[in-house]
Amino acid sequence: AWVRVSLVGIEILAIEARVVVASVETYLKYAEAIGLTATAA
């Protein structure tokens, strides 16, 4: 039972990590399109 719970927790963490990475990539593309990266860099 504990193994199953830990596996589910790992899967949830992996999904959250993917969501965070995807949102960061989207933000970077959005900022680059506006030109914020040019002013920031």
N, C-alpha and C. Protein backbone atom coordinates (compact mmCIF):
# COMPACT_ATOMS: atom_id res chain seq x y z
N ALA A 1 0.85 -1.20 0.00
CA ALA A 1 0.00 0.00 0.00
C ALA A 1 0.88 1.25 0.00
N TRP A 2 1.92 1.24 0.84
CA TRP A 2 2.80 2.41 0.91
C TRP A 2 3.53 2.61 -0.40
N VAL A 3 3.92 1.50 -1.05
CA VAL A 3 4.63 1.63 -2.32
C VAL A 3 3.72 2.30 -3.35
N ARG A 4 2.46 1.89 -3.35
CA ARG A 4 1.52 2.46 -4.31
C ARG A 4 1.33 3.95 -4.04
N VAL A 5 1.22 4.33 -2.78
CA VAL A 5 1.04 5.75 -2.43
C VAL A 5 2.25 6.55 -2.86
N SER A 6 3.44 6.01 -2.62
CA SER A 6 4.66 6.75 -2.98
C SER A 6 4.75 6.89 -4.49
N LEU A 7 4.36 5.85 -5.24
CA LEU A 7 4.41 5.93 -6.70
C LEU A 7 3.45 7.00 -7.20
N VAL A 8 2.27 7.06 -6.60
CA VAL A 8 1.30 8.08 -7.00
C VAL A 8 1.86 9.47 -6.70
N GLY A 9 2.51 9.62 -5.55
CA GLY A 9 3.11 10.91 -5.19
C GLY A 9 4.18 11.31 -6.19
N ILE A 10 4.99 10.34 -6.60
CA ILE A 10 6.05 10.63 -7.58
C ILE A 10 5.43 11.06 -8.91
N GLU A 11 4.36 10.37 -9.32
CA GLU A 11 3.71 10.73 -10.58
C GLU A 11 3.14 12.14 -10.49
N ILE A 12 2.54 12.49 -9.35
CA ILE A 12 1.98 13.83 -9.19
C ILE A 12 3.09 14.87 -9.25
N LEU A 13 4.22 14.60 -8.59
CA LEU A 13 5.34 15.54 -8.63
C LEU A 13 5.84 15.70 -10.05
N ALA A 14 5.91 14.59 -10.80
CA ALA A 14 6.40 14.65 -12.18
C ALA A 14 5.46 15.50 -13.03
N ILE A 15 4.16 15.32 -12.83
CA ILE A 15 3.18 16.09 -13.60
C ILE A 15 3.29 17.57 -13.26
N GLU A 16 3.44 17.88 -11.96
CA GLU A 16 3.57 19.28 -11.55
C GLU A 16 4.83 19.88 -12.15
N ALA A 17 5.92 19.10 -12.17
CA ALA A 17 7.18 19.60 -12.73
C ALA A 17 6.99 19.91 -14.21
N ARG A 18 6.27 19.04 -14.92
CA ARG A 18 6.04 19.28 -16.35
C ARG A 18 5.22 20.55 -16.55
N VAL A 19 4.22 20.75 -15.71
CA VAL A 19 3.38 21.94 -15.82
C VAL A 19 4.21 23.19 -15.57
N VAL A 20 5.08 23.15 -14.55
CA VAL A 20 5.92 24.31 -14.25
C VAL A 20 6.85 24.61 -15.41
N VAL A 21 7.49 23.56 -15.95
CA VAL A 21 8.41 23.76 -17.08
C VAL A 21 7.65 24.34 -18.27
N ALA A 22 6.47 23.80 -18.54
CA ALA A 22 5.69 24.28 -19.69
C ALA A 22 5.30 25.75 -19.49
N SER A 23 4.89 26.11 -18.28
CA SER A 23 4.49 27.49 -18.02
C SER A 23 5.68 28.43 -18.13
N VAL A 24 6.84 27.99 -17.66
CA VAL A 24 8.05 28.83 -17.75
C VAL A 24 8.43 29.03 -19.22
N GLU A 25 8.37 27.96 -20.01
CA GLU A 25 8.71 28.09 -21.43
C GLU A 25 7.73 29.03 -22.12
N THR A 26 6.45 28.89 -21.80
CA THR A 26 5.45 29.77 -22.40
C THR A 26 5.70 31.21 -22.01
N TYR A 27 6.06 31.45 -20.74
CA TYR A 27 6.33 32.82 -20.28
C TYR A 27 7.53 33.39 -21.00
N LEU A 28 8.58 32.57 -21.16
CA LEU A 28 9.78 33.05 -21.84
C LEU A 28 9.47 33.42 -23.29
N LYS A 29 8.70 32.56 -23.96
CA LYS A 29 8.33 32.85 -25.36
C LYS A 29 7.49 34.12 -25.43
N TYR A 30 6.56 34.27 -24.49
CA TYR A 30 5.69 35.45 -24.46
C TYR A 30 6.52 36.70 -24.20
N ALA A 31 7.44 36.63 -23.24
CA ALA A 31 8.28 37.78 -22.92
C ALA A 31 9.19 38.13 -24.09
N GLU A 32 9.70 37.10 -24.75
CA GLU A 32 10.58 37.34 -25.90
C GLU A 32 9.79 38.00 -27.03
N ALA A 33 8.55 37.58 -27.21
CA ALA A 33 7.72 38.15 -28.27
C ALA A 33 7.46 39.63 -28.00
N ILE A 34 7.26 39.97 -26.74
CA ILE A 34 7.00 41.38 -26.39
C ILE A 34 8.30 42.18 -26.47
N GLY A 35 9.40 41.55 -26.10
CA GLY A 35 10.68 42.25 -26.13
C GLY A 35 11.21 42.50 -24.74
N LEU A 36 10.61 41.84 -23.72
CA LEU A 36 11.08 42.04 -22.36
C LEU A 36 12.47 41.44 -22.17
N THR A 37 12.74 40.34 -22.89
CA THR A 37 14.04 39.70 -22.74
C THR A 37 15.14 40.62 -23.26
N ALA A 38 14.83 41.42 -24.26
CA ALA A 38 15.83 42.32 -24.82
C ALA A 38 16.19 43.40 -23.80
N THR A 39 15.17 43.91 -23.11
CA THR A 39 15.44 44.96 -22.12
C THR A 39 16.05 44.36 -20.86
N ALA A 40 15.64 43.15 -20.51
CA ALA A 40 16.18 42.50 -19.31
C ALA A 40 17.64 42.13 -19.54
N ALA A 41 17.95 41.65 -20.75
CA ALA A 41 19.33 41.26 -21.04
C ALA A 41 20.12 42.50 -21.42
